[in-house]
């Protein structure tokens, strides 16, 4: 069956989440409800999503729920000031993934969707520094590639160059 869902990314993300915060657990997932919210629920997690609020302007949104962990899967690159949200999180466990900046591809930008823009495409060490400066201690990390089914120099590089970075951090 053909699907446009990022299956490999979801498999890696779910395996990482299950390793660091096993179900059952109540999760505040930053971002609106999405296909991965459903995948987490199918795997035993109780998921609460934010409702599309601008987290740059309303970082206190993350304080509204008593949860076991906060997840942010490909969210922080969309924020102008992710530091403010990271500081506002009161729970002691954070699981985040980000797309890594690639030297051979420009940062993602949307000309039509104001919400779907990358203000940051971090290198792993930059994201680590952001987490540490905002009060988090990194416990575990993982990277994976994101190959695409096209022919060319960049698709070959994508088979070997990590694109996604997952971090489990605690306060």
C-alpha atoms as a PDB file:
ATOM      1  CA  UNK A   1       0.000   0.000   0.000  1.00  0.00           C
ATOM      2  CA  UNK A   2       1.340   3.398  -0.995  1.00  0.00           C
ATOM      3  CA  UNK A   3       1.505   5.981   1.760  1.00  0.00           C
ATOM      4  CA  UNK A   4       2.897   9.482   1.985  1.00  0.00           C
ATOM      5  CA  UNK A   5       3.634   9.057   5.693  1.00  0.00           C
ATOM      6  CA  UNK A   6       7.348   9.168   6.561  1.00  0.00           C
ATOM      7  CA  UNK A   7       7.415   5.508   7.635  1.00  0.00           C
ATOM      8  CA  UNK A   8      11.149   5.214   8.355  1.00  0.00           C
ATOM      9  CA  UNK A   9      11.200   8.408  10.423  1.00  0.00           C
ATOM     10  CA  UNK A  10       8.124   7.309  12.374  1.00  0.00           C
ATOM     11  CA  UNK A  11       9.611   3.860  13.063  1.00  0.00           C
ATOM     12  CA  UNK A  12      12.841   5.366  14.384  1.00  0.00           C
ATOM     13  CA  UNK A  13      10.994   7.990  16.417  1.00  0.00           C
ATOM     14  CA  UNK A  14       8.653   5.431  18.002  1.00  0.00           C
ATOM     15  CA  UNK A  15      11.505   3.040  18.836  1.00  0.00           C
ATOM     16  CA  UNK A  16      13.461   5.889  20.458  1.00  0.00           C
ATOM     17  CA  UNK A  17      10.410   7.011  22.463  1.00  0.00           C
ATOM     18  CA  UNK A  18       9.643   3.466  23.620  1.00  0.00           C
ATOM     19  CA  UNK A  19      13.246   3.014  24.737  1.00  0.00           C
ATOM     20  CA  UNK A  20      13.441   6.186  26.846  1.00  0.00           C
ATOM     21  CA  UNK A  21       9.809   6.547  28.045  1.00  0.00           C
ATOM     22  CA  UNK A  22       7.996   3.216  27.845  1.00  0.00           C
ATOM     23  CA  UNK A  23       4.203   3.126  27.634  1.00  0.00           C
ATOM     24  CA  UNK A  24       1.937   3.647  29.385  1.00  0.00           C
ATOM     25  CA  UNK A  25       2.762   7.311  29.825  1.00  0.00           C
ATOM     26  CA  UNK A  26       0.933  10.584  29.383  1.00  0.00           C
ATOM     27  CA  UNK A  27       2.619  12.754  26.771  1.00  0.00           C
ATOM     28  CA  UNK A  28       2.211  16.434  25.924  1.00  0.00           C
ATOM     29  CA  UNK A  29       3.104  16.477  22.238  1.00  0.00           C
ATOM     30  CA  UNK A  30       3.969  19.970  21.032  1.00  0.00           C
ATOM     31  CA  UNK A  31       2.128  20.642  17.804  1.00  0.00           C
ATOM     32  CA  UNK A  32      -1.333  19.907  16.545  1.00  0.00           C
ATOM     33  CA  UNK A  33      -2.708  16.384  16.350  1.00  0.00           C
ATOM     34  CA  UNK A  34      -1.040  14.502  13.518  1.00  0.00           C
ATOM     35  CA  UNK A  35      -0.568  10.920  12.248  1.00  0.00           C
ATOM     36  CA  UNK A  36       2.235  10.309  14.754  1.00  0.00           C
ATOM     37  CA  UNK A  37      -0.105  11.264  17.636  1.00  0.00           C
ATOM     38  CA  UNK A  38      -2.272   8.328  16.557  1.00  0.00           C
ATOM     39  CA  UNK A  39       0.743   6.012  16.286  1.00  0.00           C
ATOM     40  CA  UNK A  40       1.754   6.884  19.860  1.00  0.00           C
ATOM     41  CA  UNK A  41      -1.795   6.172  21.074  1.00  0.00           C
ATOM     42  CA  UNK A  42      -1.866   2.843  19.217  1.00  0.00           C
ATOM     43  CA  UNK A  43       1.292   1.960  21.149  1.00  0.00           C
ATOM     44  CA  UNK A  44      -0.127   2.644  24.614  1.00  0.00           C
ATOM     45  CA  UNK A  45       0.543   6.357  25.171  1.00  0.00           C
ATOM     46  CA  UNK A  46      -2.048   8.898  26.294  1.00  0.00           C
ATOM     47  CA  UNK A  47      -1.350  11.883  24.019  1.00  0.00           C
ATOM     48  CA  UNK A  48      -2.354  15.500  24.563  1.00  0.00           C
ATOM     49  CA  UNK A  49      -1.483  17.855  21.711  1.00  0.00           C
ATOM     50  CA  UNK A  50      -1.160  21.607  21.736  1.00  0.00           C
ATOM     51  CA  UNK A  51      -3.786  23.291  19.572  1.00  0.00           C
ATOM     52  CA  UNK A  52      -1.689  25.260  17.113  1.00  0.00           C
ATOM     53  CA  UNK A  53      -0.892  28.151  19.452  1.00  0.00           C
ATOM     54  CA  UNK A  54       2.176  30.188  18.560  1.00  0.00           C
ATOM     55  CA  UNK A  55       4.664  28.797  21.078  1.00  0.00           C
ATOM     56  CA  UNK A  56       7.003  31.738  20.483  1.00  0.00           C
ATOM     57  CA  UNK A  57       4.313  34.089  21.786  1.00  0.00           C
ATOM     58  CA  UNK A  58       2.709  31.720  24.327  1.00  0.00           C
ATOM     59  CA  UNK A  59       5.425  29.428  25.727  1.00  0.00           C
ATOM     60  CA  UNK A  60       3.423  29.024  28.957  1.00  0.00           C
ATOM     61  CA  UNK A  61       1.019  26.714  27.059  1.00  0.00           C
ATOM     62  CA  UNK A  62       3.370  23.859  28.005  1.00  0.00           C
ATOM     63  CA  UNK A  63       2.474  24.324  31.690  1.00  0.00           C
ATOM     64  CA  UNK A  64      -1.243  23.558  31.305  1.00  0.00           C
ATOM     65  CA  UNK A  65      -1.024  19.773  31.717  1.00  0.00           C
ATOM     66  CA  UNK A  66       0.502  17.413  34.274  1.00  0.00           C
ATOM     67  CA  UNK A  67       2.273  14.845  32.087  1.00  0.00           C
ATOM     68  CA  UNK A  68       5.007  12.236  32.291  1.00  0.00           C
ATOM     69  CA  UNK A  69       6.954  13.722  29.377  1.00  0.00           C
ATOM     70  CA  UNK A  70       6.882  16.364  26.659  1.00  0.00           C
ATOM     71  CA  UNK A  71       7.582  15.410  23.063  1.00  0.00           C
ATOM     72  CA  UNK A  72       8.504  17.771  20.252  1.00  0.00           C
ATOM     73  CA  UNK A  73       8.940  15.965  16.955  1.00  0.00           C
ATOM     74  CA  UNK A  74      10.210  18.380  14.299  1.00  0.00           C
ATOM     75  CA  UNK A  75       8.884  21.430  16.175  1.00  0.00           C
ATOM     76  CA  UNK A  76      11.825  23.490  17.457  1.00  0.00           C
ATOM     77  CA  UNK A  77      13.124  24.380  13.988  1.00  0.00           C
ATOM     78  CA  UNK A  78       9.813  26.209  13.387  1.00  0.00           C
ATOM     79  CA  UNK A  79      10.240  28.513  16.403  1.00  0.00           C
ATOM     80  CA  UNK A  80      12.117  31.791  16.402  1.00  0.00           C
ATOM     81  CA  UNK A  81      12.999  31.332  20.094  1.00  0.00           C
ATOM     82  CA  UNK A  82      12.862  27.667  21.118  1.00  0.00           C
ATOM     83  CA  UNK A  83      14.798  28.576  24.272  1.00  0.00           C
ATOM     84  CA  UNK A  84      11.667  30.153  25.796  1.00  0.00           C
ATOM     85  CA  UNK A  85       9.535  27.034  25.338  1.00  0.00           C
ATOM     86  CA  UNK A  86      12.319  24.765  26.582  1.00  0.00           C
ATOM     87  CA  UNK A  87      12.653  26.864  29.750  1.00  0.00           C
ATOM     88  CA  UNK A  88       8.879  26.866  30.330  1.00  0.00           C
ATOM     89  CA  UNK A  89       8.495  23.066  30.275  1.00  0.00           C
ATOM     90  CA  UNK A  90       7.950  21.902  33.865  1.00  0.00           C
ATOM     91  CA  UNK A  91       7.941  18.131  33.421  1.00  0.00           C
ATOM     92  CA  UNK A  92      11.306  16.447  33.913  1.00  0.00           C
ATOM     93  CA  UNK A  93      11.478  14.462  30.658  1.00  0.00           C
ATOM     94  CA  UNK A  94      11.770  15.741  27.097  1.00  0.00           C
ATOM     95  CA  UNK A  95      11.990  13.754  23.874  1.00  0.00           C
ATOM     96  CA  UNK A  96      12.676  15.848  20.788  1.00  0.00           C
ATOM     97  CA  UNK A  97      13.650  15.275  17.198  1.00  0.00           C
ATOM     98  CA  UNK A  98      14.937  17.864  14.765  1.00  0.00           C
ATOM     99  CA  UNK A  99      16.037  17.816  11.157  1.00  0.00           C
ATOM    100  CA  UNK A 100      19.763  18.397  10.965  1.00  0.00           C
ATOM    101  CA  UNK A 101      21.204  21.048   8.693  1.00  0.00           C
ATOM    102  CA  UNK A 102      22.686  19.449   5.581  1.00  0.00           C
ATOM    103  CA  UNK A 103      25.696  21.020   3.918  1.00  0.00           C
ATOM    104  CA  UNK A 104      24.448  19.963   0.487  1.00  0.00           C
ATOM    105  CA  UNK A 105      20.842  21.201   0.776  1.00  0.00           C
ATOM    106  CA  UNK A 106      19.370  24.597   1.622  1.00  0.00           C
ATOM    107  CA  UNK A 107      17.183  25.050   4.688  1.00  0.00           C
ATOM    108  CA  UNK A 108      13.523  24.238   4.124  1.00  0.00           C
ATOM    109  CA  UNK A 109      11.250  27.194   3.531  1.00  0.00           C
ATOM    110  CA  UNK A 110       7.656  27.492   2.462  1.00  0.00           C
ATOM    111  CA  UNK A 111       6.602  30.503   0.436  1.00  0.00           C
ATOM    112  CA  UNK A 112       2.896  29.848   1.016  1.00  0.00           C
ATOM    113  CA  UNK A 113       2.512  28.437   4.538  1.00  0.00           C
ATOM    114  CA  UNK A 114       3.497  30.865   7.304  1.00  0.00           C
ATOM    115  CA  UNK A 115       3.585  28.058   9.897  1.00  0.00           C
ATOM    116  CA  UNK A 116       5.666  25.620   7.872  1.00  0.00           C
ATOM    117  CA  UNK A 117       8.983  27.452   7.870  1.00  0.00           C
ATOM    118  CA  UNK A 118      12.315  26.474   9.332  1.00  0.00           C
ATOM    119  CA  UNK A 119      13.939  29.313  11.217  1.00  0.00           C
ATOM    120  CA  UNK A 120      16.654  26.911  12.358  1.00  0.00           C
ATOM    121  CA  UNK A 121      18.225  23.802  10.964  1.00  0.00           C
ATOM    122  CA  UNK A 122      20.570  22.847  13.737  1.00  0.00           C
ATOM    123  CA  UNK A 123      23.737  20.861  13.825  1.00  0.00           C
ATOM    124  CA  UNK A 124      23.633  18.306  16.640  1.00  0.00           C
ATOM    125  CA  UNK A 125      26.042  20.251  18.859  1.00  0.00           C
ATOM    126  CA  UNK A 126      23.985  23.458  18.446  1.00  0.00           C
ATOM    127  CA  UNK A 127      20.812  21.721  19.597  1.00  0.00           C
ATOM    128  CA  UNK A 128      22.725  20.146  22.495  1.00  0.00           C
ATOM    129  CA  UNK A 129      23.919  23.599  23.579  1.00  0.00           C
ATOM    130  CA  UNK A 130      20.375  24.983  23.338  1.00  0.00           C
ATOM    131  CA  UNK A 131      19.065  22.184  25.549  1.00  0.00           C
ATOM    132  CA  UNK A 132      21.858  22.569  28.092  1.00  0.00           C
ATOM    133  CA  UNK A 133      21.510  26.360  28.260  1.00  0.00           C
ATOM    134  CA  UNK A 134      17.753  26.016  28.831  1.00  0.00           C
ATOM    135  CA  UNK A 135      18.278  23.684  31.802  1.00  0.00           C
ATOM    136  CA  UNK A 136      18.150  20.202  30.267  1.00  0.00           C
ATOM    137  CA  UNK A 137      20.666  17.381  30.694  1.00  0.00           C
ATOM    138  CA  UNK A 138      21.045  15.122  27.671  1.00  0.00           C
ATOM    139  CA  UNK A 139      20.667  11.450  28.550  1.00  0.00           C
ATOM    140  CA  UNK A 140      20.583   9.782  25.147  1.00  0.00           C
ATOM    141  CA  UNK A 141      20.793  10.696  21.467  1.00  0.00           C
ATOM    142  CA  UNK A 142      20.337   8.975  18.134  1.00  0.00           C
ATOM    143  CA  UNK A 143      20.637   9.960  14.453  1.00  0.00           C
ATOM    144  CA  UNK A 144      19.247   8.440  11.276  1.00  0.00           C
ATOM    145  CA  UNK A 145      19.272   9.066   7.552  1.00  0.00           C
ATOM    146  CA  UNK A 146      16.408  10.008   5.268  1.00  0.00           C
ATOM    147  CA  UNK A 147      17.035   8.534   1.839  1.00  0.00           C
ATOM    148  CA  UNK A 148      14.771   9.514  -1.022  1.00  0.00           C
ATOM    149  CA  UNK A 149      13.947   7.442  -4.095  1.00  0.00           C
ATOM    150  CA  UNK A 150      15.449   9.682  -6.725  1.00  0.00           C
ATOM    151  CA  UNK A 151      18.564   9.576  -8.849  1.00  0.00           C
ATOM    152  CA  UNK A 152      21.340  12.085  -8.358  1.00  0.00           C
ATOM    153  CA  UNK A 153      24.186  13.279  -6.183  1.00  0.00           C
ATOM    154  CA  UNK A 154      22.021  14.599  -3.323  1.00  0.00           C
ATOM    155  CA  UNK A 155      19.883  11.437  -3.050  1.00  0.00           C
ATOM    156  CA  UNK A 156      23.087   9.384  -2.779  1.00  0.00           C
ATOM    157  CA  UNK A 157      24.371  11.683  -0.016  1.00  0.00           C
ATOM    158  CA  UNK A 158      21.028  11.345   1.836  1.00  0.00           C
ATOM    159  CA  UNK A 159      21.597   7.585   2.102  1.00  0.00           C
ATOM    160  CA  UNK A 160      24.733   8.169   4.181  1.00  0.00           C
ATOM    161  CA  UNK A 161      24.270  11.548   5.858  1.00  0.00           C
ATOM    162  CA  UNK A 162      22.110  11.660   9.006  1.00  0.00           C
ATOM    163  CA  UNK A 163      19.110  13.946   8.568  1.00  0.00           C
ATOM    164  CA  UNK A 164      17.265  13.463  11.879  1.00  0.00           C
ATOM    165  CA  UNK A 165      18.515  13.850  15.426  1.00  0.00           C
ATOM    166  CA  UNK A 166      16.615  12.519  18.445  1.00  0.00           C
ATOM    167  CA  UNK A 167      17.365  13.601  22.010  1.00  0.00           C
ATOM    168  CA  UNK A 168      16.127  12.397  25.381  1.00  0.00           C
ATOM    169  CA  UNK A 169      16.835  14.966  28.083  1.00  0.00           C
ATOM    170  CA  UNK A 170      15.908  15.390  31.736  1.00  0.00           C
ATOM    171  CA  UNK A 171      15.751  18.237  34.242  1.00  0.00           C
END
